[in-house]
Protein backbone atom coordinates (compact mmCIF):
# COMPACT_ATOMS: atom_id res chain seq x y z
CA MET A 1 -68.02 168.82 146.86
CA ALA A 2 -71.48 167.27 146.75
CA ILE A 3 -72.76 165.33 149.74
CA ILE A 4 -74.07 161.90 148.83
CA LYS A 5 -77.35 161.15 150.58
CA PRO A 6 -78.11 157.40 150.58
CA ASN A 7 -81.74 156.76 149.69
CA ASN A 8 -82.23 160.53 149.73
CA ASN A 9 -81.81 160.69 153.54
CA THR A 10 -79.53 162.81 155.64
CA ILE A 11 -76.67 160.89 157.21
CA SER A 12 -78.20 161.23 160.71
CA ALA A 13 -81.54 159.83 159.47
CA ILE A 14 -80.06 156.51 158.38
CA THR A 15 -81.05 153.78 160.83
CA ALA A 16 -80.46 150.70 158.68
CA LEU A 17 -78.05 149.64 156.01
CA PRO A 18 -79.07 150.17 152.38
CA ALA A 19 -80.59 147.12 150.73
CA ALA A 20 -77.67 147.07 148.28
CA ILE A 21 -75.34 145.66 150.96
CA PRO A 22 -75.37 141.88 150.46
CA THR A 23 -75.76 139.41 153.29
CA GLY A 24 -72.79 137.54 154.68
CA LYS A 25 -70.46 140.55 154.81
CA VAL A 26 -68.56 141.42 157.98
CA LEU A 27 -69.91 144.77 159.18
CA GLN A 28 -67.90 145.26 162.36
CA VAL A 29 -65.40 143.44 164.54
CA VAL A 30 -65.03 143.79 168.32
CA SER A 31 -62.42 141.91 170.32
CA ALA A 32 -61.18 141.43 173.86
CA THR A 33 -57.75 140.18 174.87
CA LYS A 34 -56.74 138.83 178.27
CA THR A 35 -52.99 138.93 178.95
CA ASP A 36 -53.00 138.48 182.74
CA THR A 37 -53.61 135.26 184.67
CA GLN A 38 -56.66 134.16 186.63
CA VAL A 39 -57.19 131.39 189.17
CA THR A 40 -60.53 129.97 190.28
CA SER A 41 -61.23 127.11 192.65
CA THR A 42 -64.97 126.81 192.25
CA ALA A 43 -66.65 123.88 190.53
CA THR A 44 -69.14 126.30 189.00
CA PHE A 45 -68.40 128.28 185.87
CA VAL A 46 -67.14 131.83 186.45
CA ASP A 47 -66.62 134.84 184.21
CA VAL A 48 -63.15 135.06 182.73
CA SER A 49 -62.12 138.63 183.52
CA GLY A 50 -61.05 140.47 180.40
CA LEU A 51 -62.92 138.16 178.01
CA SER A 52 -66.08 140.20 177.74
CA LEU A 53 -67.18 142.59 175.00
CA SER A 54 -70.19 144.56 173.87
CA ILE A 55 -71.40 144.80 170.29
CA THR A 56 -74.44 146.62 168.89
CA PRO A 57 -75.87 144.96 165.78
CA SER A 58 -76.97 147.40 163.08
CA SER A 59 -79.95 145.20 162.16
CA ALA A 60 -81.99 142.64 164.09
CA SER A 61 -81.54 140.19 161.20
CA ASN A 62 -77.75 140.24 161.50
CA LYS A 63 -75.79 137.49 163.19
CA ILE A 64 -72.80 137.60 165.53
CA PHE A 65 -69.98 135.14 164.83
CA LEU A 66 -68.00 134.45 168.02
CA VAL A 67 -64.50 133.00 168.24
CA VAL A 68 -62.70 132.22 171.52
CA ASN A 69 -59.14 131.05 171.96
CA ILE A 70 -58.27 130.41 175.61
CA ASN A 71 -55.30 128.91 177.48
CA ILE A 72 -56.36 126.94 180.55
CA ASP A 73 -54.85 124.37 182.89
CA GLY A 74 -55.57 122.68 186.20
CA LEU A 75 -54.65 119.57 188.11
CA GLU A 76 -58.20 118.34 187.68
CA ARG A 77 -58.43 116.80 184.25
CA TYR A 78 -61.85 118.13 183.30
CA MET A 79 -62.00 121.80 182.34
CA GLY A 80 -64.57 123.57 180.23
CA VAL A 81 -65.47 126.86 178.57
CA LYS A 82 -68.79 128.31 177.42
CA PHE A 83 -70.15 131.35 175.60
CA VAL A 84 -72.61 133.62 177.42
CA ARG A 85 -74.82 136.30 175.82
CA ASP A 86 -75.81 138.83 178.50
CA SER A 87 -76.77 136.26 181.18
CA THR A 88 -77.79 133.37 178.89
CA ASP A 89 -75.54 130.43 178.04
CA ILE A 90 -75.30 130.01 174.25
CA GLY A 91 -73.51 127.59 171.98
CA ILE A 92 -73.71 124.75 174.51
CA GLY A 93 -74.66 121.10 174.20
CA ASP A 94 -78.18 119.78 174.75
CA ALA A 95 -79.42 118.96 178.24
CA ASP A 96 -79.09 115.26 179.08
CA GLY A 97 -79.49 114.13 182.68
CA SER A 98 -76.87 115.63 184.99
CA ARG A 99 -74.26 116.09 182.26
CA THR A 100 -72.48 119.46 182.19
CA ARG A 101 -73.49 121.66 179.26
CA LEU A 102 -70.65 123.67 177.77
CA THR A 103 -69.16 124.89 174.51
CA VAL A 104 -65.81 123.12 174.59
CA SER A 105 -64.01 120.87 177.03
CA SER A 106 -60.29 120.54 177.63
CA MET A 107 -58.64 117.60 179.30
CA ARG A 108 -55.10 117.37 180.58
CA ASN A 109 -52.92 114.31 180.77
CA GLN A 110 -53.13 112.55 184.14
CA SER A 111 -49.34 112.30 184.21
CA PRO A 112 -47.96 113.16 187.65
CA THR A 113 -45.64 115.91 186.40
CA GLY A 114 -45.26 115.86 182.62
CA ASP A 115 -48.30 118.00 181.92
CA ASN A 116 -47.84 120.43 184.80
CA TYR A 117 -45.68 122.82 182.79
CA ILE A 118 -47.87 123.56 179.78
CA MET A 119 -51.14 125.37 179.16
CA HIS A 120 -53.93 123.66 177.24
CA ASN A 121 -55.42 125.64 174.39
CA SER A 122 -59.15 125.48 173.77
CA SER A 123 -60.82 127.14 170.79
CA ALA A 124 -64.45 127.40 169.79
CA SER A 125 -66.70 129.34 167.47
CA PHE A 126 -70.44 129.91 167.38
CA LEU A 127 -72.83 131.83 165.09
CA ASP A 128 -75.38 133.60 167.29
CA THR A 129 -78.66 135.23 166.28
CA PRO A 130 -79.37 137.82 168.99
CA ASN A 131 -82.38 139.35 167.12
CA THR A 132 -81.72 142.84 168.45
CA THR A 133 -80.23 146.22 167.65
CA SER A 134 -79.42 146.85 171.31
CA ALA A 135 -75.94 146.63 172.77
CA THR A 136 -75.30 142.98 173.53
CA THR A 137 -72.62 141.67 175.89
CA TYR A 138 -70.78 138.46 175.16
CA LYS A 139 -68.43 136.82 177.63
CA ILE A 140 -66.57 133.63 178.32
CA GLN A 141 -67.03 131.50 181.41
CA ALA A 142 -64.64 128.74 182.47
CA GLY A 143 -64.76 126.10 185.15
CA LEU A 144 -64.07 122.58 186.28
CA HIS A 145 -66.80 120.16 185.33
CA TYR A 146 -65.54 117.38 187.57
CA GLY A 147 -64.16 117.79 191.05
CA SER A 148 -63.79 120.97 193.04
CA ALA A 149 -60.70 120.44 195.16
CA GLN A 150 -58.30 121.91 192.62
CA ASN A 151 -57.74 125.23 190.90
CA LEU A 152 -58.37 126.20 187.29
CA TYR A 153 -55.72 128.48 185.79
CA ILE A 154 -56.08 130.82 182.83
CA ASN A 155 -53.08 131.98 180.78
CA ARG A 156 -50.63 129.96 182.90
CA PRO A 157 -49.87 126.31 183.63
CA TYR A 158 -50.56 124.48 186.88
CA THR A 159 -46.91 124.68 187.94
CA ASP A 160 -45.79 128.30 188.15
CA ASP A 161 -42.08 128.22 188.96
CA ASP A 162 -40.12 131.34 188.01
CA ALA A 163 -38.21 129.64 185.19
CA THR A 164 -37.89 129.92 181.42
CA TYR A 165 -39.73 126.63 180.88
CA ILE A 166 -42.87 128.13 182.50
CA THR A 167 -45.02 130.09 180.08
CA ARG A 168 -47.58 132.86 179.99
CA GLY A 169 -50.15 133.11 177.23
CA ILE A 170 -53.01 135.25 176.04
CA SER A 171 -56.68 134.47 175.51
CA THR A 172 -58.97 136.24 173.07
CA LEU A 173 -62.67 136.66 172.32
CA THR A 174 -63.72 138.15 168.98
CA ALA A 175 -67.21 139.04 167.74
CA TYR A 176 -67.95 139.65 164.05
CA GLU A 177 -71.25 141.21 163.02
CA ILE A 178 -72.39 139.43 159.86
CA ALA A 179 -74.97 141.05 157.58
CA GLY A 180 -78.18 139.03 157.53
């Protein structure tokens, strides 16, 4: 059987995709899934354990399309989530005074008990341009953006009785490398 050598190179000598591969194609997919719960009581944003991944773009002109789907809850009504590349916040709103910059906000009903038994789903997507061929880490941070006296819960509701009406969920982060 003959060995096909793209652009007359050995397989190990190939460092970039052939020009014949069109832009916009998905080149690789990396995902992270969080099935356990997490509780934080800080008013600052913290890393969501398990929602971190590393992806190495094959070309500096390629983009990374991020999708997060997270279940959060807390007695405080104001919860938020943001994307982070390495140690830099990305996909967040513009700075404006003291307003909190984040990717997506979730707000629970202020009902005394009616909302205590369900998780609140937040989803977001963002097309990033990391301009690198180095391994790049993406992660999700979550936090309360108003008040600090209450807890923020991930993959579980505020009320956590051992009963069938109390739920557990999963949260996911997926990164797609898109040919540029």
